[in-house]
Amino acid sequence: MTWKFPGQAEVDAVSRIFEKILYPQLRLLEQPEKLTKNQIVKCLNLTRHCISGASVVLPFMEGKLIHVTSSKVPRDVIANHSIYDCYP
């Protein structure tokens, strides 16, 4: 098996994707009260997919581990919904 490490071209591609897709979504999420539930779900899904897809070129995190609070939404509810559930 041969491993390919991301080069500058891959890093540049991720930067362009973030600028075009991720950053506008994050700006929208700064004022969630102006968004519908469906718009929030779409923004969060796009954000999640951008970060997940770019994870191969992101550096490992350093420092103290942060323990987050569990979601009050049951996991099976989260797992059984997608961005497409919001659109007729």
PDB file of N, CA and C in Angstrom:
ATOM      1  N   MET A   1       0.842  -1.160   0.000  1.00  0.00           N
ATOM      2  CA  MET A   1       0.000   0.000   0.000  1.00  0.00           C
ATOM      3  C   MET A   1       0.900   1.240   0.000  1.00  0.00           C
ATOM      4  N   THR A   2       0.519   2.195  -0.809  1.00  0.00           N
ATOM      5  CA  THR A   2       1.264   3.448  -0.893  1.00  0.00           C
ATOM      6  C   THR A   2       0.390   4.578  -0.359  1.00  0.00           C
ATOM      7  N   TRP A   3       0.952   5.379   0.532  1.00  0.00           N
ATOM      8  CA  TRP A   3       0.228   6.507   1.093  1.00  0.00           C
ATOM      9  C   TRP A   3       0.554   7.766   0.308  1.00  0.00           C
ATOM     10  N   LYS A   4      -0.466   8.544   0.031  1.00  0.00           N
ATOM     11  CA  LYS A   4      -0.249   9.831  -0.626  1.00  0.00           C
ATOM     12  C   LYS A   4      -0.498  10.924   0.398  1.00  0.00           C
ATOM     13  N   PHE A   5       0.489  11.760   0.564  1.00  0.00           N
ATOM     14  CA  PHE A   5       0.340  12.878   1.484  1.00  0.00           C
ATOM     15  C   PHE A   5      -0.100  14.102   0.697  1.00  0.00           C
ATOM     16  N   PRO A   6      -1.046  14.861   1.245  1.00  0.00           N
ATOM     17  CA  PRO A   6      -1.527  16.036   0.523  1.00  0.00           C
ATOM     18  C   PRO A   6      -0.407  17.045   0.283  1.00  0.00           C
ATOM     19  N   GLY A   7      -0.374  17.536  -0.928  1.00  0.00           N
ATOM     20  CA  GLY A   7       0.607  18.556  -1.286  1.00  0.00           C
ATOM     21  C   GLY A   7      -0.032  19.927  -1.284  1.00  0.00           C
ATOM     22  N   GLN A   8       0.703  20.895  -1.774  1.00  0.00           N
ATOM     23  CA  GLN A   8       0.208  22.274  -1.783  1.00  0.00           C
ATOM     24  C   GLN A   8      -1.046  22.415  -2.637  1.00  0.00           C
ATOM     25  N   ALA A   9      -1.139  21.661  -3.733  1.00  0.00           N
ATOM     26  CA  ALA A   9      -2.329  21.744  -4.594  1.00  0.00           C
ATOM     27  C   ALA A   9      -3.586  21.318  -3.832  1.00  0.00           C
ATOM     28  N   GLU A  10      -3.475  20.257  -3.041  1.00  0.00           N
ATOM     29  CA  GLU A  10      -4.619  19.792  -2.262  1.00  0.00           C
ATOM     30  C   GLU A  10      -4.991  20.797  -1.175  1.00  0.00           C
ATOM     31  N   VAL A  11      -3.992  21.336  -0.511  1.00  0.00           N
ATOM     32  CA  VAL A  11      -4.239  22.336   0.531  1.00  0.00           C
ATOM     33  C   VAL A  11      -4.892  23.579  -0.074  1.00  0.00           C
ATOM     34  N   ASP A  12      -4.425  23.997  -1.233  1.00  0.00           N
ATOM     35  CA  ASP A  12      -5.019  25.152  -1.917  1.00  0.00           C
ATOM     36  C   ASP A  12      -6.467  24.878  -2.308  1.00  0.00           C
ATOM     37  N   ALA A  13      -6.743  23.654  -2.751  1.00  0.00           N
ATOM     38  CA  ALA A  13      -8.111  23.291  -3.129  1.00  0.00           C
ATOM     39  C   ALA A  13      -9.040  23.362  -1.920  1.00  0.00           C
ATOM     40  N   VAL A  14      -8.576  22.876  -0.795  1.00  0.00           N
ATOM     41  CA  VAL A  14      -9.375  22.939   0.431  1.00  0.00           C
ATOM     42  C   VAL A  14      -9.622  24.393   0.826  1.00  0.00           C
ATOM     43  N   SER A  15      -8.614  25.222   0.696  1.00  0.00           N
ATOM     44  CA  SER A  15      -8.774  26.646   1.022  1.00  0.00           C
ATOM     45  C   SER A  15      -9.835  27.294   0.140  1.00  0.00           C
ATOM     46  N   ARG A  16      -9.827  26.963  -1.143  1.00  0.00           N
ATOM     47  CA  ARG A  16     -10.833  27.528  -2.058  1.00  0.00           C
ATOM     48  C   ARG A  16     -12.237  27.043  -1.693  1.00  0.00           C
ATOM     49  N   ILE A  17     -12.354  25.779  -1.336  1.00  0.00           N
ATOM     50  CA  ILE A  17     -13.658  25.241  -0.938  1.00  0.00           C
ATOM     51  C   ILE A  17     -14.152  25.946   0.321  1.00  0.00           C
ATOM     52  N   PHE A  18     -13.252  26.122   1.287  1.00  0.00           N
ATOM     53  CA  PHE A  18     -13.642  26.807   2.516  1.00  0.00           C
ATOM     54  C   PHE A  18     -14.100  28.224   2.218  1.00  0.00           C
ATOM     55  N   GLU A  19     -13.372  28.937   1.371  1.00  0.00           N
ATOM     56  CA  GLU A  19     -13.736  30.318   1.054  1.00  0.00           C
ATOM     57  C   GLU A  19     -15.071  30.398   0.328  1.00  0.00           C
ATOM     58  N   LYS A  20     -15.330  29.446  -0.549  1.00  0.00           N
ATOM     59  CA  LYS A  20     -16.539  29.493  -1.368  1.00  0.00           C
ATOM     60  C   LYS A  20     -17.765  28.922  -0.656  1.00  0.00           C
ATOM     61  N   ILE A  21     -17.580  27.882   0.143  1.00  0.00           N
ATOM     62  CA  ILE A  21     -18.723  27.186   0.734  1.00  0.00           C
ATOM     63  C   ILE A  21     -18.802  27.343   2.250  1.00  0.00           C
ATOM     64  N   LEU A  22     -17.713  27.043   2.940  1.00  0.00           N
ATOM     65  CA  LEU A  22     -17.770  26.998   4.402  1.00  0.00           C
ATOM     66  C   LEU A  22     -17.932  28.372   5.041  1.00  0.00           C
ATOM     67  N   TYR A  23     -17.091  29.319   4.686  1.00  0.00           N
ATOM     68  CA  TYR A  23     -17.128  30.627   5.349  1.00  0.00           C
ATOM     69  C   TYR A  23     -18.484  31.322   5.227  1.00  0.00           C
ATOM     70  N   PRO A  24     -19.142  31.300   4.059  1.00  0.00           N
ATOM     71  CA  PRO A  24     -20.477  31.913   3.994  1.00  0.00           C
ATOM     72  C   PRO A  24     -21.481  31.234   4.940  1.00  0.00           C
ATOM     73  N   GLN A  25     -21.363  29.916   5.092  1.00  0.00           N
ATOM     74  CA  GLN A  25     -22.266  29.204   6.000  1.00  0.00           C
ATOM     75  C   GLN A  25     -22.016  29.627   7.446  1.00  0.00           C
ATOM     76  N   LEU A  26     -20.755  29.754   7.807  1.00  0.00           N
ATOM     77  CA  LEU A  26     -20.424  30.176   9.169  1.00  0.00           C
ATOM     78  C   LEU A  26     -20.921  31.592   9.440  1.00  0.00           C
ATOM     79  N   ARG A  27     -20.845  32.455   8.431  1.00  0.00           N
ATOM     80  CA  ARG A  27     -21.355  33.826   8.599  1.00  0.00           C
ATOM     81  C   ARG A  27     -22.876  33.812   8.815  1.00  0.00           C
ATOM     82  N   LEU A  28     -23.569  32.951   8.075  1.00  0.00           N
ATOM     83  CA  LEU A  28     -25.018  32.835   8.268  1.00  0.00           C
ATOM     84  C   LEU A  28     -25.352  32.353   9.677  1.00  0.00           C
ATOM     85  N   LEU A  29     -24.563  31.412  10.172  1.00  0.00           N
ATOM     86  CA  LEU A  29     -24.826  30.841  11.495  1.00  0.00           C
ATOM     87  C   LEU A  29     -24.513  31.807  12.637  1.00  0.00           C
ATOM     88  N   GLU A  30     -23.859  32.917  12.346  1.00  0.00           N
ATOM     89  CA  GLU A  30     -23.606  33.921  13.382  1.00  0.00           C
ATOM     90  C   GLU A  30     -24.898  34.591  13.844  1.00  0.00           C
ATOM     91  N   GLN A  31     -25.944  34.517  13.008  1.00  0.00           N
ATOM     92  CA  GLN A  31     -27.237  35.107  13.364  1.00  0.00           C
ATOM     93  C   GLN A  31     -28.344  34.079  13.111  1.00  0.00           C
ATOM     94  N   PRO A  32     -28.388  33.019  13.910  1.00  0.00           N
ATOM     95  CA  PRO A  32     -29.344  31.939  13.658  1.00  0.00           C
ATOM     96  C   PRO A  32     -30.805  32.376  13.755  1.00  0.00           C
ATOM     97  N   GLU A  33     -31.066  33.446  14.500  1.00  0.00           N
ATOM     98  CA  GLU A  33     -32.450  33.904  14.635  1.00  0.00           C
ATOM     99  C   GLU A  33     -33.028  34.392  13.307  1.00  0.00           C
ATOM    100  N   LYS A  34     -32.189  34.693  12.342  1.00  0.00           N
ATOM    101  CA  LYS A  34     -32.653  35.151  11.032  1.00  0.00           C
ATOM    102  C   LYS A  34     -32.878  33.996  10.057  1.00  0.00           C
ATOM    103  N   LEU A  35     -32.588  32.772  10.494  1.00  0.00           N
ATOM    104  CA  LEU A  35     -32.688  31.609   9.618  1.00  0.00           C
ATOM    105  C   LEU A  35     -33.859  30.727  10.014  1.00  0.00           C
ATOM    106  N   THR A  36     -34.400  30.035   9.028  1.00  0.00           N
ATOM    107  CA  THR A  36     -35.412  29.028   9.330  1.00  0.00           C
ATOM    108  C   THR A  36     -34.700  27.769   9.830  1.00  0.00           C
ATOM    109  N   LYS A  37     -35.480  26.873  10.386  1.00  0.00           N
ATOM    110  CA  LYS A  37     -34.917  25.603  10.859  1.00  0.00           C
ATOM    111  C   LYS A  37     -34.226  24.876   9.709  1.00  0.00           C
ATOM    112  N   ASN A  38     -34.851  24.863   8.546  1.00  0.00           N
ATOM    113  CA  ASN A  38     -34.269  24.178   7.387  1.00  0.00           C
ATOM    114  C   ASN A  38     -32.960  24.823   6.943  1.00  0.00           C
ATOM    115  N   GLN A  39     -32.892  26.139   6.993  1.00  0.00           N
ATOM    116  CA  GLN A  39     -31.654  26.831   6.624  1.00  0.00           C
ATOM    117  C   GLN A  39     -30.532  26.510   7.611  1.00  0.00           C
ATOM    118  N   ILE A  40     -30.871  26.434   8.891  1.00  0.00           N
ATOM    119  CA  ILE A  40     -29.863  26.089   9.900  1.00  0.00           C
ATOM    120  C   ILE A  40     -29.342  24.681   9.667  1.00  0.00           C
ATOM    121  N   VAL A  41     -30.242  23.751   9.407  1.00  0.00           N
ATOM    122  CA  VAL A  41     -29.829  22.363   9.147  1.00  0.00           C
ATOM    123  C   VAL A  41     -28.923  22.302   7.923  1.00  0.00           C
ATOM    124  N   LYS A  42     -29.285  23.023   6.872  1.00  0.00           N
ATOM    125  CA  LYS A  42     -28.461  23.039   5.665  1.00  0.00           C
ATOM    126  C   LYS A  42     -27.071  23.597   5.963  1.00  0.00           C
ATOM    127  N   CYS A  43     -27.010  24.718   6.679  1.00  0.00           N
ATOM    128  CA  CYS A  43     -25.716  25.322   7.022  1.00  0.00           C
ATOM    129  C   CYS A  43     -24.862  24.372   7.845  1.00  0.00           C
ATOM    130  N   LEU A  44     -25.471  23.741   8.828  1.00  0.00           N
ATOM    131  CA  LEU A  44     -24.721  22.824   9.686  1.00  0.00           C
ATOM    132  C   LEU A  44     -24.232  21.601   8.914  1.00  0.00           C
ATOM    133  N   ASN A  45     -25.060  21.089   8.026  1.00  0.00           N
ATOM    134  CA  ASN A  45     -24.638  19.932   7.227  1.00  0.00           C
ATOM    135  C   ASN A  45     -23.500  20.289   6.278  1.00  0.00           C
ATOM    136  N   LEU A  46     -23.600  21.423   5.620  1.00  0.00           N
ATOM    137  CA  LEU A  46     -22.511  21.845   4.733  1.00  0.00           C
ATOM    138  C   LEU A  46     -21.224  22.060   5.518  1.00  0.00           C
ATOM    139  N   THR A  47     -21.352  22.652   6.704  1.00  0.00           N
ATOM    140  CA  THR A  47     -20.182  22.862   7.561  1.00  0.00           C
ATOM    141  C   THR A  47     -19.556  21.532   7.951  1.00  0.00           C
ATOM    142  N   ARG A  48     -20.388  20.603   8.382  1.00  0.00           N
ATOM    143  CA  ARG A  48     -19.892  19.280   8.789  1.00  0.00           C
ATOM    144  C   ARG A  48     -19.195  18.575   7.640  1.00  0.00           C
ATOM    145  N   HIS A  49     -19.787  18.609   6.462  1.00  0.00           N
ATOM    146  CA  HIS A  49     -19.193  17.924   5.308  1.00  0.00           C
ATOM    147  C   HIS A  49     -17.888  18.581   4.867  1.00  0.00           C
ATOM    148  N   CYS A  50     -17.822  19.898   4.911  1.00  0.00           N
ATOM    149  CA  CYS A  50     -16.568  20.584   4.556  1.00  0.00           C
ATOM    150  C   CYS A  50     -15.444  20.184   5.498  1.00  0.00           C
ATOM    151  N   ILE A  51     -15.724  20.212   6.785  1.00  0.00           N
ATOM    152  CA  ILE A  51     -14.691  19.880   7.766  1.00  0.00           C
ATOM    153  C   ILE A  51     -14.314  18.412   7.677  1.00  0.00           C
ATOM    154  N   SER A  52     -15.293  17.558   7.505  1.00  0.00           N
ATOM    155  CA  SER A  52     -15.016  16.124   7.384  1.00  0.00           C
ATOM    156  C   SER A  52     -14.169  15.831   6.152  1.00  0.00           C
ATOM    157  N   GLY A  53     -14.516  16.433   5.040  1.00  0.00           N
ATOM    158  CA  GLY A  53     -13.768  16.207   3.807  1.00  0.00           C
ATOM    159  C   GLY A  53     -12.370  16.771   3.838  1.00  0.00           C
ATOM    160  N   ALA A  54     -12.193  17.847   4.580  1.00  0.00           N
ATOM    161  CA  ALA A  54     -10.880  18.488   4.649  1.00  0.00           C
ATOM    162  C   ALA A  54     -10.001  17.904   5.748  1.00  0.00           C
ATOM    163  N   SER A  55     -10.541  16.993   6.514  1.00  0.00           N
ATOM    164  CA  SER A  55      -9.804  16.499   7.679  1.00  0.00           C
ATOM    165  C   SER A  55      -8.478  15.841   7.329  1.00  0.00           C
ATOM    166  N   VAL A  56      -8.342  15.343   6.107  1.00  0.00           N
ATOM    167  CA  VAL A  56      -7.082  14.689   5.735  1.00  0.00           C
ATOM    168  C   VAL A  56      -5.926  15.677   5.628  1.00  0.00           C
ATOM    169  N   VAL A  57      -6.216  16.948   5.457  1.00  0.00           N
ATOM    170  CA  VAL A  57      -5.128  17.927   5.364  1.00  0.00           C
ATOM    171  C   VAL A  57      -5.037  18.830   6.588  1.00  0.00           C
ATOM    172  N   LEU A  58      -5.919  18.618   7.562  1.00  0.00           N
ATOM    173  CA  LEU A  58      -5.858  19.415   8.781  1.00  0.00           C
ATOM    174  C   LEU A  58      -4.815  18.825   9.727  1.00  0.00           C
ATOM    175  N   PRO A  59      -4.105  19.668  10.459  1.00  0.00           N
ATOM    176  CA  PRO A  59      -3.113  19.150  11.408  1.00  0.00           C
ATOM    177  C   PRO A  59      -3.802  18.521  12.617  1.00  0.00           C
ATOM    178  N   PHE A  60      -3.087  17.621  13.287  1.00  0.00           N
ATOM    179  CA  PHE A  60      -3.614  17.048  14.517  1.00  0.00           C
ATOM    180  C   PHE A  60      -3.726  18.145  15.562  1.00  0.00           C
ATOM    181  N   MET A  61      -4.763  18.073  16.362  1.00  0.00           N
ATOM    182  CA  MET A  61      -4.947  19.072  17.413  1.00  0.00           C
ATOM    183  C   MET A  61      -4.022  18.758  18.576  1.00  0.00           C
ATOM    184  N   GLU A  62      -3.530  19.793  19.177  1.00  0.00           N
ATOM    185  CA  GLU A  62      -2.658  19.642  20.333  1.00  0.00           C
ATOM    186  C   GLU A  62      -3.308  20.308  21.530  1.00  0.00           C
ATOM    187  N   GLY A  63      -2.841  19.952  22.702  1.00  0.00           N
ATOM    188  CA  GLY A  63      -3.330  20.604  23.907  1.00  0.00           C
ATOM    189  C   GLY A  63      -4.274  19.727  24.697  1.00  0.00           C
ATOM    190  N   LYS A  64      -4.913  20.356  25.652  1.00  0.00           N
ATOM    191  CA  LYS A  64      -5.799  19.672  26.578  1.00  0.00           C
ATOM    192  C   LYS A  64      -7.073  19.206  25.870  1.00  0.00           C
ATOM    193  N   LEU A  65      -7.517  17.998  26.180  1.00  0.00           N
ATOM    194  CA  LEU A  65      -8.766  17.488  25.625  1.00  0.00           C
ATOM    195  C   LEU A  65      -9.944  18.241  26.223  1.00  0.00           C
ATOM    196  N   ILE A  66     -10.921  18.519  25.407  1.00  0.00           N
ATOM    197  CA  ILE A  66     -12.121  19.208  25.864  1.00  0.00           C
ATOM    198  C   ILE A  66     -13.261  18.206  25.838  1.00  0.00           C
ATOM    199  N   HIS A  67     -13.905  18.021  26.974  1.00  0.00           N
ATOM    200  CA  HIS A  67     -15.048  17.118  27.043  1.00  0.00           C
ATOM    201  C   HIS A  67     -16.311  17.937  26.804  1.00  0.00           C
ATOM    202  N   VAL A  68     -17.068  17.559  25.793  1.00  0.00           N
ATOM    203  CA  VAL A  68     -18.272  18.310  25.446  1.00  0.00           C
ATOM    204  C   VAL A  68     -19.487  17.672  26.103  1.00  0.00           C
ATOM    205  N   THR A  69     -20.521  18.468  26.256  1.00  0.00           N
ATOM    206  CA  THR A  69     -21.760  17.980  26.831  1.00  0.00           C
ATOM    207  C   THR A  69     -22.486  17.132  25.804  1.00  0.00           C
ATOM    208  N   SER A  70     -23.069  16.065  26.260  1.00  0.00           N
ATOM    209  CA  SER A  70     -23.848  15.221  25.361  1.00  0.00           C
ATOM    210  C   SER A  70     -25.044  16.003  24.847  1.00  0.00           C
ATOM    211  N   SER A  71     -25.472  15.657  23.651  1.00  0.00           N
ATOM    212  CA  SER A  71     -26.632  16.305  23.056  1.00  0.00           C
ATOM    213  C   SER A  71     -27.897  15.843  23.758  1.00  0.00           C
ATOM    214  N   LYS A  72     -28.846  16.735  23.873  1.00  0.00           N
ATOM    215  CA  LYS A  72     -30.139  16.369  24.433  1.00  0.00           C
ATOM    216  C   LYS A  72     -31.015  15.687  23.382  1.00  0.00           C
ATOM    217  N   VAL A  73     -30.561  15.727  22.123  1.00  0.00           N
ATOM    218  CA  VAL A  73     -31.282  15.065  21.043  1.00  0.00           C
ATOM    219  C   VAL A  73     -30.795  13.622  20.974  1.00  0.00           C
ATOM    220  N   PRO A  74     -31.713  12.649  21.048  1.00  0.00           N
ATOM    221  CA  PRO A  74     -31.284  11.249  20.985  1.00  0.00           C
ATOM    222  C   PRO A  74     -30.506  10.961  19.705  1.00  0.00           C
ATOM    223  N   ARG A  75     -29.471  10.152  19.830  1.00  0.00           N
ATOM    224  CA  ARG A  75     -28.587   9.855  18.705  1.00  0.00           C
ATOM    225  C   ARG A  75     -29.337   9.243  17.523  1.00  0.00           C
ATOM    226  N   ASP A  76     -30.331   8.399  17.786  1.00  0.00           N
ATOM    227  CA  ASP A  76     -31.061   7.777  16.678  1.00  0.00           C
ATOM    228  C   ASP A  76     -31.840   8.811  15.876  1.00  0.00           C
ATOM    229  N   VAL A  77     -32.272   9.883  16.515  1.00  0.00           N
ATOM    230  CA  VAL A  77     -32.961  10.957  15.789  1.00  0.00           C
ATOM    231  C   VAL A  77     -31.980  11.656  14.861  1.00  0.00           C
ATOM    232  N   ILE A  78     -30.779  11.935  15.358  1.00  0.00           N
ATOM    233  CA  ILE A  78     -29.758  12.596  14.550  1.00  0.00           C
ATOM    234  C   ILE A  78     -29.344  11.705  13.387  1.00  0.00           C
ATOM    235  N   ALA A  79     -29.126  10.424  13.661  1.00  0.00           N
ATOM    236  CA  ALA A  79     -28.631   9.495  12.644  1.00  0.00           C
ATOM    237  C   ALA A  79     -29.643   9.248  11.535  1.00  0.00           C
ATOM    238  N   ASN A  80     -30.922   9.427  11.828  1.00  0.00           N
ATOM    239  CA  ASN A  80     -31.956   9.114  10.841  1.00  0.00           C
ATOM    240  C   ASN A  80     -32.427  10.320  10.046  1.00  0.00           C
ATOM    241  N   HIS A  81     -31.720  11.432  10.143  1.00  0.00           N
ATOM    242  CA  HIS A  81     -32.090  12.628   9.396  1.00  0.00           C
ATOM    243  C   HIS A  81     -30.920  13.104   8.557  1.00  0.00           C
ATOM    244  N   SER A  82     -31.227  13.725   7.471  1.00  0.00           N
ATOM    245  CA  SER A  82     -30.188  14.298   6.624  1.00  0.00           C
ATOM    246  C   SER A  82     -30.654  15.660   6.137  1.00  0.00           C
ATOM    247  N   ILE A  83     -29.764  16.320   5.449  1.00  0.00           N
ATOM    248  CA  ILE A  83     -30.089  17.628   4.886  1.00  0.00           C
ATOM    249  C   ILE A  83     -31.286  17.533   3.940  1.00  0.00           C
ATOM    250  N   TYR A  84     -31.446  16.399   3.300  1.00  0.00           N
ATOM    251  CA  TYR A  84     -32.511  16.239   2.317  1.00  0.00           C
ATOM    252  C   TYR A  84     -33.886  16.118   2.960  1.00  0.00           C
ATOM    253  N   ASP A  85     -33.947  15.838   4.265  1.00  0.00           N
ATOM    254  CA  ASP A  85     -35.224  15.767   4.954  1.00  0.00           C
ATOM    255  C   ASP A  85     -35.897  17.133   5.032  1.00  0.00           C
ATOM    256  N   CYS A  86     -35.143  18.182   4.848  1.00  0.00           N
ATOM    257  CA  CYS A  86     -35.662  19.539   5.010  1.00  0.00           C
ATOM    258  C   CYS A  86     -36.347  20.076   3.764  1.00  0.00           C
ATOM    259  N   TYR A  87     -36.210  19.377   2.679  1.00  0.00           N
ATOM    260  CA  TYR A  87     -36.735  19.889   1.417  1.00  0.00           C
ATOM    261  C   TYR A  87     -37.818  18.970   0.883  1.00  0.00           C
ATOM    262  N   PRO A  88     -38.925  19.558   0.431  1.00  0.00           N
ATOM    263  CA  PRO A  88     -40.021  18.727  -0.106  1.00  0.00           C
ATOM    264  C   PRO A  88     -39.637  18.039  -1.399  1.00  0.00           C
TER     265      PRO A  88
END
